[in-house]
Amino acid sequence: MNNDLTRAKELFMLYRGDFFLMTREGKLQEYKEFKILKQQEIEWINEIVNQIIASTDLTDSISTLSSIYINYQPNEIINYLSGIVEASINYDSFEKVRIAEEIIRIDRSCKVDKNLFQKLKKDCMVILESIKYEFNIKEKYYKDPTLTGILTKEKLVKRVSEALKYL
């Protein structure tokens, strides 16, 4: 791999293909100068998706997966998201809300295959409804200073209610 392609891939992987983040960090112009073909970007996106799927905690990667879908729309990501949603019955309340909000973000941001997405939205409704009966949050989230003040039952119930209205 030549130096230009190596640097382009380094930037692309660092920002996970998100041009908004590249712009915000002042790196988009540098990346664009490499004139990378869309097919090459799709190959790199597949690498990113495979890394995410191999990770141990998919809930931490859901926003990356949804951003990839919004920007590149590979339909196989819907299958990965479906798997996350189906497994989410075992997640805590905060993680369930995060997952549902990312599904809604995809639905609002781009054209989605309504047939593929309908089951995903129904499954999200089920996990959100489950929060009404069992509210729990993992200790690790309470230790995160960026989440201070947003992990109250009242705030999460409000987010659940807003998500259910949309779905």
C-alpha atoms as a PDB file:
ATOM      1  CA  MET A   1       0.000   0.000   0.000  1.00  0.00           C
ATOM      2  CA  ASN A   2       1.502   3.353  -0.969  1.00  0.00           C
ATOM      3  CA  ASN A   3       1.915   6.154   1.579  1.00  0.00           C
ATOM      4  CA  ASP A   4      -1.074   8.159   0.309  1.00  0.00           C
ATOM      5  CA  LEU A   5      -3.408   5.179   0.484  1.00  0.00           C
ATOM      6  CA  THR A   6      -2.036   4.251   3.905  1.00  0.00           C
ATOM      7  CA  ARG A   7      -2.650   7.775   5.224  1.00  0.00           C
ATOM      8  CA  ALA A   8      -6.123   7.910   3.674  1.00  0.00           C
ATOM      9  CA  LYS A   9      -7.049   4.583   5.261  1.00  0.00           C
ATOM     10  CA  GLU A  10      -5.623   5.741   8.588  1.00  0.00           C
ATOM     11  CA  LEU A  11      -7.877   8.821   8.539  1.00  0.00           C
ATOM     12  CA  PHE A  12     -10.897   6.888   7.322  1.00  0.00           C
ATOM     13  CA  MET A  13     -10.514   4.226  10.015  1.00  0.00           C
ATOM     14  CA  LEU A  14      -9.792   6.756  12.758  1.00  0.00           C
ATOM     15  CA  TYR A  15     -13.034   8.613  12.031  1.00  0.00           C
ATOM     16  CA  ARG A  16     -14.877   5.405  11.048  1.00  0.00           C
ATOM     17  CA  GLY A  17     -15.831   6.839   7.685  1.00  0.00           C
ATOM     18  CA  ASP A  18     -17.672   9.763   9.270  1.00  0.00           C
ATOM     19  CA  PHE A  19     -17.042  12.863   7.157  1.00  0.00           C
ATOM     20  CA  PHE A  20     -18.744  15.090   9.717  1.00  0.00           C
ATOM     21  CA  LEU A  21     -16.163  14.092  12.323  1.00  0.00           C
ATOM     22  CA  MET A  22     -13.358  14.583   9.809  1.00  0.00           C
ATOM     23  CA  THR A  23     -14.700  18.066   9.077  1.00  0.00           C
ATOM     24  CA  ARG A  24     -15.011  18.914  12.756  1.00  0.00           C
ATOM     25  CA  GLU A  25     -11.411  17.842  13.371  1.00  0.00           C
ATOM     26  CA  GLY A  26     -10.106  19.672  10.285  1.00  0.00           C
ATOM     27  CA  LYS A  27      -9.103  16.477   8.455  1.00  0.00           C
ATOM     28  CA  LEU A  28     -11.668  16.215   5.656  1.00  0.00           C
ATOM     29  CA  GLN A  29      -9.728  18.338   3.187  1.00  0.00           C
ATOM     30  CA  GLU A  30      -6.612  16.215   3.726  1.00  0.00           C
ATOM     31  CA  TYR A  31      -8.653  13.049   3.232  1.00  0.00           C
ATOM     32  CA  LYS A  32     -10.376  14.376   0.082  1.00  0.00           C
ATOM     33  CA  GLU A  33      -7.001  15.179  -1.501  1.00  0.00           C
ATOM     34  CA  PHE A  34      -6.322  11.445  -1.734  1.00  0.00           C
ATOM     35  CA  LYS A  35      -9.295  11.018  -4.127  1.00  0.00           C
ATOM     36  CA  ILE A  36     -10.298   7.648  -2.730  1.00  0.00           C
ATOM     37  CA  LEU A  37     -12.799   5.704  -4.819  1.00  0.00           C
ATOM     38  CA  LYS A  38     -16.176   4.847  -3.302  1.00  0.00           C
ATOM     39  CA  GLN A  39     -15.464   1.131  -3.769  1.00  0.00           C
ATOM     40  CA  GLN A  40     -12.330   1.456  -1.617  1.00  0.00           C
ATOM     41  CA  GLU A  41     -14.337   3.237   1.085  1.00  0.00           C
ATOM     42  CA  ILE A  42     -16.898   0.428   1.041  1.00  0.00           C
ATOM     43  CA  GLU A  43     -14.109  -2.118   1.560  1.00  0.00           C
ATOM     44  CA  TRP A  44     -12.881  -0.098   4.550  1.00  0.00           C
ATOM     45  CA  ILE A  45     -16.434   0.208   5.888  1.00  0.00           C
ATOM     46  CA  ASN A  46     -16.704  -3.575   5.762  1.00  0.00           C
ATOM     47  CA  GLU A  47     -13.500  -3.798   7.801  1.00  0.00           C
ATOM     48  CA  ILE A  48     -14.934  -1.378  10.364  1.00  0.00           C
ATOM     49  CA  VAL A  49     -18.213  -3.296  10.576  1.00  0.00           C
ATOM     50  CA  ASN A  50     -16.339  -6.573  11.059  1.00  0.00           C
ATOM     51  CA  GLN A  51     -14.270  -5.005  13.855  1.00  0.00           C
ATOM     52  CA  ILE A  52     -17.435  -3.775  15.546  1.00  0.00           C
ATOM     53  CA  ILE A  53     -19.178  -7.119  15.239  1.00  0.00           C
ATOM     54  CA  ALA A  54     -16.117  -8.842  16.717  1.00  0.00           C
ATOM     55  CA  SER A  55     -16.127  -6.477  19.706  1.00  0.00           C
ATOM     56  CA  THR A  56     -17.405  -7.718  23.028  1.00  0.00           C
ATOM     57  CA  ASP A  57     -19.817  -4.870  23.740  1.00  0.00           C
ATOM     58  CA  LEU A  58     -22.016  -4.053  20.778  1.00  0.00           C
ATOM     59  CA  THR A  59     -24.048  -1.495  22.727  1.00  0.00           C
ATOM     60  CA  ASP A  60     -20.990   0.767  22.766  1.00  0.00           C
ATOM     61  CA  SER A  61     -20.774   0.447  18.981  1.00  0.00           C
ATOM     62  CA  ILE A  62     -24.399   0.996  18.021  1.00  0.00           C
ATOM     63  CA  SER A  63     -23.953   4.687  17.244  1.00  0.00           C
ATOM     64  CA  THR A  64     -21.051   3.842  14.925  1.00  0.00           C
ATOM     65  CA  LEU A  65     -23.132   1.200  13.155  1.00  0.00           C
ATOM     66  CA  SER A  66     -26.027   3.610  12.733  1.00  0.00           C
ATOM     67  CA  SER A  67     -23.698   6.318  11.383  1.00  0.00           C
ATOM     68  CA  ILE A  68     -22.261   3.853   8.888  1.00  0.00           C
ATOM     69  CA  TYR A  69     -25.760   2.901   7.776  1.00  0.00           C
ATOM     70  CA  ILE A  70     -26.793   6.548   7.424  1.00  0.00           C
ATOM     71  CA  ASN A  71     -23.678   7.397   5.390  1.00  0.00           C
ATOM     72  CA  TYR A  72     -23.278   4.219   3.299  1.00  0.00           C
ATOM     73  CA  GLN A  73     -26.525   2.235   3.676  1.00  0.00           C
ATOM     74  CA  PRO A  74     -25.179  -1.306   3.489  1.00  0.00           C
ATOM     75  CA  ASN A  75     -28.271  -3.433   4.141  1.00  0.00           C
ATOM     76  CA  GLU A  76     -26.304  -6.083   6.041  1.00  0.00           C
ATOM     77  CA  ILE A  77     -26.008  -3.597   8.913  1.00  0.00           C
ATOM     78  CA  ILE A  78     -29.762  -3.983   9.434  1.00  0.00           C
ATOM     79  CA  ASN A  79     -29.093  -7.651  10.231  1.00  0.00           C
ATOM     80  CA  TYR A  80     -26.437  -6.681  12.778  1.00  0.00           C
ATOM     81  CA  LEU A  81     -28.756  -4.093  14.318  1.00  0.00           C
ATOM     82  CA  SER A  82     -31.531  -6.684  14.492  1.00  0.00           C
ATOM     83  CA  GLY A  83     -29.189  -8.981  16.396  1.00  0.00           C
ATOM     84  CA  ILE A  84     -28.342  -6.205  18.838  1.00  0.00           C
ATOM     85  CA  VAL A  85     -32.009  -5.370  19.362  1.00  0.00           C
ATOM     86  CA  GLU A  86     -32.916  -9.027  19.893  1.00  0.00           C
ATOM     87  CA  ALA A  87     -30.103  -9.445  22.429  1.00  0.00           C
ATOM     88  CA  SER A  88     -30.998  -6.185  24.161  1.00  0.00           C
ATOM     89  CA  ILE A  89     -33.652  -7.827  26.307  1.00  0.00           C
ATOM     90  CA  ASN A  90     -30.672  -8.651  28.563  1.00  0.00           C
ATOM     91  CA  TYR A  91     -29.309  -5.093  28.564  1.00  0.00           C
ATOM     92  CA  ASP A  92     -29.960  -2.417  31.129  1.00  0.00           C
ATOM     93  CA  SER A  93     -32.489   0.385  30.717  1.00  0.00           C
ATOM     94  CA  PHE A  94     -29.955   2.966  29.542  1.00  0.00           C
ATOM     95  CA  GLU A  95     -28.579   0.651  26.849  1.00  0.00           C
ATOM     96  CA  LYS A  96     -32.084  -0.192  25.623  1.00  0.00           C
ATOM     97  CA  VAL A  97     -32.914   3.498  25.245  1.00  0.00           C
ATOM     98  CA  ARG A  98     -29.634   4.146  23.400  1.00  0.00           C
ATOM     99  CA  ILE A  99     -30.340   1.325  20.977  1.00  0.00           C
ATOM    100  CA  ALA A 100     -33.889   2.508  20.250  1.00  0.00           C
ATOM    101  CA  GLU A 101     -32.737   6.105  19.761  1.00  0.00           C
ATOM    102  CA  GLU A 102     -30.130   5.003  17.230  1.00  0.00           C
ATOM    103  CA  ILE A 103     -32.754   3.024  15.294  1.00  0.00           C
ATOM    104  CA  ILE A 104     -34.926   6.154  15.256  1.00  0.00           C
ATOM    105  CA  ARG A 105     -31.942   8.254  14.113  1.00  0.00           C
ATOM    106  CA  ILE A 106     -31.482   5.940  11.138  1.00  0.00           C
ATOM    107  CA  ASP A 107     -35.171   6.061  10.304  1.00  0.00           C
ATOM    108  CA  ARG A 108     -35.207   9.871  10.406  1.00  0.00           C
ATOM    109  CA  SER A 109     -31.943  10.349   8.534  1.00  0.00           C
ATOM    110  CA  CYS A 110     -32.286   8.295   5.405  1.00  0.00           C
ATOM    111  CA  LYS A 111     -34.528   6.209   3.261  1.00  0.00           C
ATOM    112  CA  VAL A 112     -34.691   2.749   4.728  1.00  0.00           C
ATOM    113  CA  ASP A 113     -36.205  -0.409   3.368  1.00  0.00           C
ATOM    114  CA  LYS A 114     -39.537  -0.298   5.214  1.00  0.00           C
ATOM    115  CA  ASN A 115     -39.897  -4.086   5.129  1.00  0.00           C
ATOM    116  CA  LEU A 116     -36.463  -4.606   6.679  1.00  0.00           C
ATOM    117  CA  PHE A 117     -36.994  -1.866   9.203  1.00  0.00           C
ATOM    118  CA  GLN A 118     -40.538  -2.675  10.343  1.00  0.00           C
ATOM    119  CA  LYS A 119     -39.529  -5.677  12.468  1.00  0.00           C
ATOM    120  CA  LEU A 120     -36.634  -3.711  13.929  1.00  0.00           C
ATOM    121  CA  LYS A 121     -38.990  -0.930  15.009  1.00  0.00           C
ATOM    122  CA  LYS A 122     -41.458  -3.410  16.539  1.00  0.00           C
ATOM    123  CA  ASP A 123     -38.639  -5.090  18.462  1.00  0.00           C
ATOM    124  CA  CYS A 124     -37.532  -1.668  19.731  1.00  0.00           C
ATOM    125  CA  MET A 125     -41.041  -1.024  21.012  1.00  0.00           C
ATOM    126  CA  VAL A 126     -40.928  -4.286  22.961  1.00  0.00           C
ATOM    127  CA  ILE A 127     -37.611  -3.473  24.629  1.00  0.00           C
ATOM    128  CA  LEU A 128     -38.756   0.043  25.482  1.00  0.00           C
ATOM    129  CA  GLU A 129     -41.967  -1.285  27.003  1.00  0.00           C
ATOM    130  CA  SER A 130     -39.892  -3.636  29.163  1.00  0.00           C
ATOM    131  CA  ILE A 131     -38.278  -0.640  30.871  1.00  0.00           C
ATOM    132  CA  LYS A 132     -41.634   0.207  32.443  1.00  0.00           C
ATOM    133  CA  TYR A 133     -41.513  -3.077  34.340  1.00  0.00           C
ATOM    134  CA  GLU A 134     -37.830  -3.293  35.193  1.00  0.00           C
ATOM    135  CA  PHE A 135     -35.666  -0.205  35.487  1.00  0.00           C
ATOM    136  CA  ASN A 136     -31.960  -0.902  35.959  1.00  0.00           C
ATOM    137  CA  ILE A 137     -28.695   0.752  34.985  1.00  0.00           C
ATOM    138  CA  LYS A 138     -25.230  -0.811  35.134  1.00  0.00           C
ATOM    139  CA  GLU A 139     -22.855   0.661  37.669  1.00  0.00           C
ATOM    140  CA  LYS A 140     -20.278   1.515  34.978  1.00  0.00           C
ATOM    141  CA  TYR A 141     -22.585   4.203  33.583  1.00  0.00           C
ATOM    142  CA  TYR A 142     -22.946   5.909  36.965  1.00  0.00           C
ATOM    143  CA  LYS A 143     -19.141   6.165  37.107  1.00  0.00           C
ATOM    144  CA  ASP A 144     -18.993   7.974  33.743  1.00  0.00           C
ATOM    145  CA  PRO A 145     -18.833  11.730  34.483  1.00  0.00           C
ATOM    146  CA  THR A 146     -20.283  12.582  31.053  1.00  0.00           C
ATOM    147  CA  LEU A 147     -23.527  10.849  32.041  1.00  0.00           C
ATOM    148  CA  THR A 148     -24.032  12.659  35.330  1.00  0.00           C
ATOM    149  CA  GLY A 149     -27.590  13.883  35.614  1.00  0.00           C
ATOM    150  CA  ILE A 150     -29.039  11.978  32.660  1.00  0.00           C
ATOM    151  CA  LEU A 151     -29.343   8.574  34.287  1.00  0.00           C
ATOM    152  CA  THR A 152     -32.356   9.358  36.429  1.00  0.00           C
ATOM    153  CA  LYS A 153     -35.451   7.238  36.054  1.00  0.00           C
ATOM    154  CA  GLU A 154     -37.501  10.343  35.203  1.00  0.00           C
ATOM    155  CA  LYS A 155     -35.196  11.373  32.348  1.00  0.00           C
ATOM    156  CA  LEU A 156     -34.993   7.883  30.890  1.00  0.00           C
ATOM    157  CA  VAL A 157     -38.766   7.421  31.135  1.00  0.00           C
ATOM    158  CA  LYS A 158     -39.154  10.686  29.209  1.00  0.00           C
ATOM    159  CA  ARG A 159     -36.772   9.425  26.516  1.00  0.00           C
ATOM    160  CA  VAL A 160     -38.647   6.114  26.381  1.00  0.00           C
ATOM    161  CA  SER A 161     -41.943   7.955  25.976  1.00  0.00           C
ATOM    162  CA  GLU A 162     -40.560  10.113  23.139  1.00  0.00           C
ATOM    163  CA  ALA A 163     -39.122   7.061  21.385  1.00  0.00           C
ATOM    164  CA  LEU A 164     -42.375   5.119  21.678  1.00  0.00           C
ATOM    165  CA  LYS A 165     -44.318   8.061  20.207  1.00  0.00           C
ATOM    166  CA  TYR A 166     -42.032   8.048  17.187  1.00  0.00           C
ATOM    167  CA  LEU A 167     -42.085   4.292  16.681  1.00  0.00           C
END
